[in-house]
PDB file of all heavy atoms in Angstrom:
ATOM      1  N   LEU A   1       0.914  -1.149   0.005  1.00  0.00           N
ATOM      2  CA  LEU A   1       0.044  -0.022   0.033  1.00  0.00           C
ATOM      3  C   LEU A   1       0.874   1.215   0.012  1.00  0.00           C
ATOM      4  O   LEU A   1       1.727   1.336   0.793  1.00  0.00           O
ATOM      5  CB  LEU A   1      -0.910  -0.030   1.253  1.00  0.00           C
ATOM      6  CG  LEU A   1      -1.839  -1.212   1.325  1.00  0.00           C
ATOM      7  CD1 LEU A   1      -2.582  -1.222   2.668  1.00  0.00           C
ATOM      8  CD2 LEU A   1      -2.818  -1.249   0.221  1.00  0.00           C
ATOM      9  N   GLN A   2       0.739   2.082  -0.946  1.00  0.00           N
ATOM     10  CA  GLN A   2       1.602   3.258  -1.135  1.00  0.00           C
ATOM     11  C   GLN A   2       0.811   4.534  -1.062  1.00  0.00           C
ATOM     12  O   GLN A   2      -0.393   4.523  -1.468  1.00  0.00           O
ATOM     13  CB  GLN A   2       2.397   3.185  -2.464  1.00  0.00           C
ATOM     14  CG  GLN A   2       3.338   1.947  -2.539  1.00  0.00           C
ATOM     15  CD  GLN A   2       3.942   1.887  -3.953  1.00  0.00           C
ATOM     16  OE1 GLN A   2       3.277   2.018  -4.986  1.00  0.00           O
ATOM     17  NE2 GLN A   2       5.199   1.664  -3.874  1.00  0.00           N
ATOM     18  N   ASN A   3       1.476   5.572  -0.727  1.00  0.00           N
ATOM     19  CA  ASN A   3       0.806   6.989  -0.675  1.00  0.00           C
ATOM     20  C   ASN A   3      -0.452   7.044   0.145  1.00  0.00           C
ATOM     21  O   ASN A   3      -1.336   7.763  -0.166  1.00  0.00           O
ATOM     22  CB  ASN A   3       0.589   7.440  -2.166  1.00  0.00           C
ATOM     23  CG  ASN A   3       1.858   7.412  -2.976  1.00  0.00           C
ATOM     24  OD1 ASN A   3       2.918   7.834  -2.521  1.00  0.00           O
ATOM     25  ND2 ASN A   3       1.795   7.002  -4.187  1.00  0.00           N
ATOM     26  N   MET A   4      -0.468   6.341   1.158  1.00  0.00           N
ATOM     27  CA  MET A   4      -1.678   6.287   2.017  1.00  0.00           C
ATOM     28  C   MET A   4      -1.871   7.635   2.726  1.00  0.00           C
ATOM     29  O   MET A   4      -2.976   7.855   3.149  1.00  0.00           O
ATOM     30  CB  MET A   4      -1.555   5.135   3.064  1.00  0.00           C
ATOM     31  CG  MET A   4      -1.565   3.681   2.383  1.00  0.00           C
ATOM     32  SD  MET A   4      -2.934   3.360   1.316  1.00  0.00           S
ATOM     33  CE  MET A   4      -4.176   3.113   2.552  1.00  0.00           C
ATOM     34  N   GLU A   5      -0.833   8.419   2.825  1.00  0.00           N
ATOM     35  CA  GLU A   5      -1.073   9.705   3.463  1.00  0.00           C
ATOM     36  C   GLU A   5      -1.773  10.672   2.501  1.00  0.00           C
ATOM     37  O   GLU A   5      -2.268  11.710   2.973  1.00  0.00           O
ATOM     38  CB  GLU A   5       0.322  10.402   3.745  1.00  0.00           C
ATOM     39  CG  GLU A   5       1.079  10.886   2.573  1.00  0.00           C
ATOM     40  CD  GLU A   5       1.886   9.805   1.796  1.00  0.00           C
ATOM     41  OE1 GLU A   5       1.791   8.593   2.111  1.00  0.00           O
ATOM     42  OE2 GLU A   5       2.636  10.188   0.921  1.00  0.00           O
ATOM     43  N   MET A   6      -2.099  10.188   1.332  1.00  0.00           N
ATOM     44  CA  MET A   6      -2.858  11.020   0.371  1.00  0.00           C
ATOM     45  C   MET A   6      -4.319  10.732   0.417  1.00  0.00           C
ATOM     46  O   MET A   6      -5.080  11.218  -0.439  1.00  0.00           O
ATOM     47  CB  MET A   6      -2.353  10.780  -1.071  1.00  0.00           C
ATOM     48  CG  MET A   6      -0.894  11.113  -1.238  1.00  0.00           C
ATOM     49  SD  MET A   6      -0.450  12.773  -0.621  1.00  0.00           S
ATOM     50  CE  MET A   6      -1.136  13.766  -1.952  1.00  0.00           C
ATOM     51  N   ILE A   7      -4.749   9.996   1.378  1.00  0.00           N
ATOM     52  CA  ILE A   7      -6.176   9.687   1.550  1.00  0.00           C
ATOM     53  C   ILE A   7      -6.903  11.090   1.817  1.00  0.00           C
ATOM     54  O   ILE A   7      -6.505  11.968   2.479  1.00  0.00           O
ATOM     55  CB  ILE A   7      -6.470   8.859   2.937  1.00  0.00           C
ATOM     56  CG1 ILE A   7      -5.793   7.492   2.738  1.00  0.00           C
ATOM     57  CG2 ILE A   7      -7.920   8.741   3.145  1.00  0.00           C
ATOM     58  CD1 ILE A   7      -5.818   6.741   4.034  1.00  0.00           C
ATOM     59  N   GLN A   8      -8.034  11.179   1.041  1.00  0.00           N
ATOM     60  CA  GLN A   8      -8.713  12.450   1.138  1.00  0.00           C
ATOM     61  C   GLN A   8      -9.575  12.337   2.481  1.00  0.00           C
ATOM     62  O   GLN A   8     -10.234  11.294   2.723  1.00  0.00           O
ATOM     63  CB  GLN A   8      -9.721  12.671   0.025  1.00  0.00           C
ATOM     64  CG  GLN A   8     -10.458  14.009   0.194  1.00  0.00           C
ATOM     65  CD  GLN A   8     -11.415  14.240  -0.982  1.00  0.00           C
ATOM     66  OE1 GLN A   8     -11.591  13.403  -1.876  1.00  0.00           O
ATOM     67  NE2 GLN A   8     -11.990  15.401  -0.980  1.00  0.00           N
ATOM     68  N   PHE A   9      -9.479  13.363   3.233  1.00  0.00           N
ATOM     69  CA  PHE A   9     -10.183  13.331   4.505  1.00  0.00           C
ATOM     70  C   PHE A   9     -10.710  14.808   4.781  1.00  0.00           C
ATOM     71  O   PHE A   9     -10.217  15.724   4.153  1.00  0.00           O
ATOM     72  CB  PHE A   9      -9.251  12.926   5.698  1.00  0.00           C
ATOM     73  CG  PHE A   9      -8.088  13.716   5.833  1.00  0.00           C
ATOM     74  CD1 PHE A   9      -8.036  14.825   6.654  1.00  0.00           C
ATOM     75  CD2 PHE A   9      -6.914  13.441   5.125  1.00  0.00           C
ATOM     76  CE1 PHE A   9      -6.894  15.618   6.782  1.00  0.00           C
ATOM     77  CE2 PHE A   9      -5.835  14.290   5.220  1.00  0.00           C
ATOM     78  CZ  PHE A   9      -5.827  15.381   6.083  1.00  0.00           C
ATOM     79  N   HIS A  10     -11.587  14.919   5.693  1.00  0.00           N
ATOM     80  CA  HIS A  10     -12.122  16.205   5.984  1.00  0.00           C
ATOM     81  C   HIS A  10     -12.080  16.407   7.503  1.00  0.00           C
ATOM     82  O   HIS A  10     -12.571  15.648   8.268  1.00  0.00           O
ATOM     83  CB  HIS A  10     -13.631  16.303   5.509  1.00  0.00           C
ATOM     84  CG  HIS A  10     -14.099  17.735   5.294  1.00  0.00           C
ATOM     85  ND1 HIS A  10     -14.246  18.567   6.336  1.00  0.00           N
ATOM     86  CD2 HIS A  10     -14.330  18.364   4.158  1.00  0.00           C
ATOM     87  CE1 HIS A  10     -14.638  19.778   5.828  1.00  0.00           C
ATOM     88  NE2 HIS A  10     -14.656  19.674   4.536  1.00  0.00           N
ATOM     89  N   PRO A  11     -11.377  17.464   7.955  1.00  0.00           N
ATOM     90  CA  PRO A  11     -11.165  17.607   9.390  1.00  0.00           C
ATOM     91  C   PRO A  11     -12.308  18.081  10.175  1.00  0.00           C
ATOM     92  O   PRO A  11     -12.333  17.913  11.438  1.00  0.00           O
ATOM     93  CB  PRO A  11      -9.993  18.615   9.517  1.00  0.00           C
ATOM     94  CG  PRO A  11     -10.073  19.396   8.209  1.00  0.00           C
ATOM     95  CD  PRO A  11     -10.634  18.507   7.149  1.00  0.00           C
ATOM     96  N   THR A  12     -13.321  18.675   9.556  1.00  0.00           N
ATOM     97  CA  THR A  12     -14.495  19.221  10.373  1.00  0.00           C
ATOM     98  C   THR A  12     -15.751  18.537   9.852  1.00  0.00           C
ATOM     99  O   THR A  12     -16.153  18.639   8.719  1.00  0.00           O
ATOM    100  CB  THR A  12     -14.562  20.718  10.196  1.00  0.00           C
ATOM    101  OG1 THR A  12     -14.532  21.065   8.890  1.00  0.00           O
ATOM    102  CG2 THR A  12     -13.434  21.390  10.932  1.00  0.00           C
ATOM    103  N   LEU A  13     -16.420  17.842  10.786  1.00  0.00           N
ATOM    104  CA  LEU A  13     -17.614  17.097  10.604  1.00  0.00           C
ATOM    105  C   LEU A  13     -18.696  17.647  11.553  1.00  0.00           C
ATOM    106  O   LEU A  13     -18.393  18.094  12.735  1.00  0.00           O
ATOM    107  CB  LEU A  13     -17.492  15.629  10.835  1.00  0.00           C
ATOM    108  CG  LEU A  13     -16.503  14.928   9.935  1.00  0.00           C
ATOM    109  CD1 LEU A  13     -16.312  13.466  10.425  1.00  0.00           C
ATOM    110  CD2 LEU A  13     -16.875  15.030   8.479  1.00  0.00           C
ATOM    111  N   LEU A  14     -19.937  17.540  11.175  1.00  0.00           N
ATOM    112  CA  LEU A  14     -21.088  17.866  12.113  1.00  0.00           C
ATOM    113  C   LEU A  14     -21.479  16.509  12.663  1.00  0.00           C
ATOM    114  O   LEU A  14     -21.794  15.618  11.880  1.00  0.00           O
ATOM    115  CB  LEU A  14     -22.204  18.491  11.339  1.00  0.00           C
ATOM    116  CG  LEU A  14     -23.400  18.830  12.196  1.00  0.00           C
ATOM    117  CD1 LEU A  14     -23.136  19.867  13.255  1.00  0.00           C
ATOM    118  CD2 LEU A  14     -24.565  19.333  11.285  1.00  0.00           C
ATOM    119  N   GLY A  15     -21.431  16.383  14.005  1.00  0.00           N
ATOM    120  CA  GLY A  15     -21.865  15.106  14.546  1.00  0.00           C
ATOM    121  C   GLY A  15     -21.335  14.872  16.006  1.00  0.00           C
ATOM    122  O   GLY A  15     -21.089  15.885  16.677  1.00  0.00           O
ATOM    123  N   THR A  16     -21.220  13.665  16.291  1.00  0.00           N
ATOM    124  CA  THR A  16     -20.753  13.294  17.636  1.00  0.00           C
ATOM    125  C   THR A  16     -19.411  12.534  17.411  1.00  0.00           C
ATOM    126  O   THR A  16     -19.048  12.151  16.289  1.00  0.00           O
ATOM    127  CB  THR A  16     -21.690  12.356  18.304  1.00  0.00           C
ATOM    128  OG1 THR A  16     -21.835  11.132  17.596  1.00  0.00           O
ATOM    129  CG2 THR A  16     -23.129  13.055  18.366  1.00  0.00           C
ATOM    130  N   PRO A  17     -18.694  12.197  18.534  1.00  0.00           N
ATOM    131  CA  PRO A  17     -17.451  11.381  18.347  1.00  0.00           C
ATOM    132  C   PRO A  17     -17.756   9.927  17.764  1.00  0.00           C
ATOM    133  O   PRO A  17     -16.900   9.412  17.201  1.00  0.00           O
ATOM    134  CB  PRO A  17     -16.925  11.292  19.764  1.00  0.00           C
ATOM    135  CG  PRO A  17     -17.404  12.431  20.444  1.00  0.00           C
ATOM    136  CD  PRO A  17     -18.769  12.686  19.916  1.00  0.00           C
ATOM    137  N   GLN A  18     -18.969   9.525  17.808  1.00  0.00           N
ATOM    138  CA  GLN A  18     -19.360   8.178  17.229  1.00  0.00           C
ATOM    139  C   GLN A  18     -19.894   8.247  15.843  1.00  0.00           C
ATOM    140  O   GLN A  18     -19.854   7.308  15.105  1.00  0.00           O
ATOM    141  CB  GLN A  18     -20.332   7.468  18.192  1.00  0.00           C
ATOM    142  CG  GLN A  18     -19.742   7.090  19.483  1.00  0.00           C
ATOM    143  CD  GLN A  18     -19.624   8.300  20.511  1.00  0.00           C
ATOM    144  OE1 GLN A  18     -20.480   9.191  20.455  1.00  0.00           O
ATOM    145  NE2 GLN A  18     -18.586   8.251  21.201  1.00  0.00           N
ATOM    146  N   ARG A  19     -20.504   9.365  15.479  1.00  0.00           N
ATOM    147  CA  ARG A  19     -21.242   9.451  14.189  1.00  0.00           C
ATOM    148  C   ARG A  19     -21.198  10.816  13.533  1.00  0.00           C
ATOM    149  O   ARG A  19     -21.369  11.847  14.219  1.00  0.00           O
ATOM    150  CB  ARG A  19     -22.699   9.108  14.392  1.00  0.00           C
ATOM    151  CG  ARG A  19     -23.521   9.037  13.116  1.00  0.00           C
ATOM    152  CD  ARG A  19     -24.769   8.282  13.220  1.00  0.00           C
ATOM    153  NE  ARG A  19     -25.346   8.275  11.946  1.00  0.00           N
ATOM    154  CZ  ARG A  19     -26.684   8.590  11.749  1.00  0.00           C
ATOM    155  NH1 ARG A  19     -27.448   8.896  12.756  1.00  0.00           N
ATOM    156  NH2 ARG A  19     -27.168   8.561  10.528  1.00  0.00           N
ATOM    157  N   ALA A  20     -20.926  10.826  12.260  1.00  0.00           N
ATOM    158  CA  ALA A  20     -20.883  12.120  11.532  1.00  0.00           C
ATOM    159  C   ALA A  20     -22.297  12.220  10.802  1.00  0.00           C
ATOM    160  O   ALA A  20     -22.770  11.225  10.233  1.00  0.00           O
ATOM    161  CB  ALA A  20     -19.825  12.067  10.448  1.00  0.00           C
ATOM    162  N   TYR A  21     -22.753  13.459  10.836  1.00  0.00           N
ATOM    163  CA  TYR A  21     -24.073  13.671  10.141  1.00  0.00           C
ATOM    164  C   TYR A  21     -23.792  14.440   8.830  1.00  0.00           C
ATOM    165  O   TYR A  21     -24.622  14.623   7.994  1.00  0.00           O
ATOM    166  CB  TYR A  21     -24.974  14.521  11.023  1.00  0.00           C
ATOM    167  CG  TYR A  21     -25.411  13.685  12.188  1.00  0.00           C
ATOM    168  CD1 TYR A  21     -24.800  13.920  13.472  1.00  0.00           C
ATOM    169  CD2 TYR A  21     -26.335  12.677  12.130  1.00  0.00           C
ATOM    170  CE1 TYR A  21     -25.155  13.246  14.572  1.00  0.00           C
ATOM    171  CE2 TYR A  21     -26.693  11.959  13.305  1.00  0.00           C
ATOM    172  CZ  TYR A  21     -26.105  12.289  14.444  1.00  0.00           C
ATOM    173  OH  TYR A  21     -26.435  11.436  15.545  1.00  0.00           O
ATOM    174  N   GLY A  22     -22.647  14.946   8.670  1.00  0.00           N
ATOM    175  CA  GLY A  22     -22.238  15.601   7.417  1.00  0.00           C
ATOM    176  C   GLY A  22     -20.982  16.387   7.544  1.00  0.00           C
ATOM    177  O   GLY A  22     -20.416  16.553   8.654  1.00  0.00           O
ATOM    178  N   LEU A  23     -20.541  16.906   6.475  1.00  0.00           N
ATOM    179  CA  LEU A  23     -19.297  17.754   6.390  1.00  0.00           C
ATOM    180  C   LEU A  23     -19.660  19.176   6.744  1.00  0.00           C
ATOM    181  O   LEU A  23     -20.634  19.707   6.366  1.00  0.00           O
ATOM    182  CB  LEU A  23     -18.655  17.726   5.057  1.00  0.00           C
ATOM    183  CG  LEU A  23     -18.292  16.316   4.527  1.00  0.00           C
ATOM    184  CD1 LEU A  23     -17.789  16.515   3.092  1.00  0.00           C
ATOM    185  CD2 LEU A  23     -17.189  15.715   5.400  1.00  0.00           C
ATOM    186  N   VAL A  24     -18.698  19.874   7.388  1.00  0.00           N
ATOM    187  CA  VAL A  24     -18.707  21.329   7.537  1.00  0.00           C
ATOM    188  C   VAL A  24     -17.705  21.873   6.545  1.00  0.00           C
ATOM    189  O   VAL A  24     -16.527  21.591   6.798  1.00  0.00           O
ATOM    190  CB  VAL A  24     -18.493  21.755   8.948  1.00  0.00           C
ATOM    191  CG1 VAL A  24     -18.514  23.290   9.098  1.00  0.00           C
ATOM    192  CG2 VAL A  24     -19.536  21.152   9.899  1.00  0.00           C
ATOM    193  N   SER A  25     -18.149  22.553   5.573  1.00  0.00           N
ATOM    194  CA  SER A  25     -17.270  23.002   4.505  1.00  0.00           C
ATOM    195  C   SER A  25     -16.083  23.874   5.074  1.00  0.00           C
ATOM    196  O   SER A  25     -16.226  24.654   6.018  1.00  0.00           O
ATOM    197  CB  SER A  25     -18.048  23.873   3.560  1.00  0.00           C
ATOM    198  OG  SER A  25     -17.147  24.472   2.603  1.00  0.00           O
TER     199      SER A  25
END
């Protein structure tokens, strides 16, 4: 597995520590 640091992720979510309800742009 290469370049795994390039995973797209989003640091701010609307939700709880257990569940995301959506992204906060």
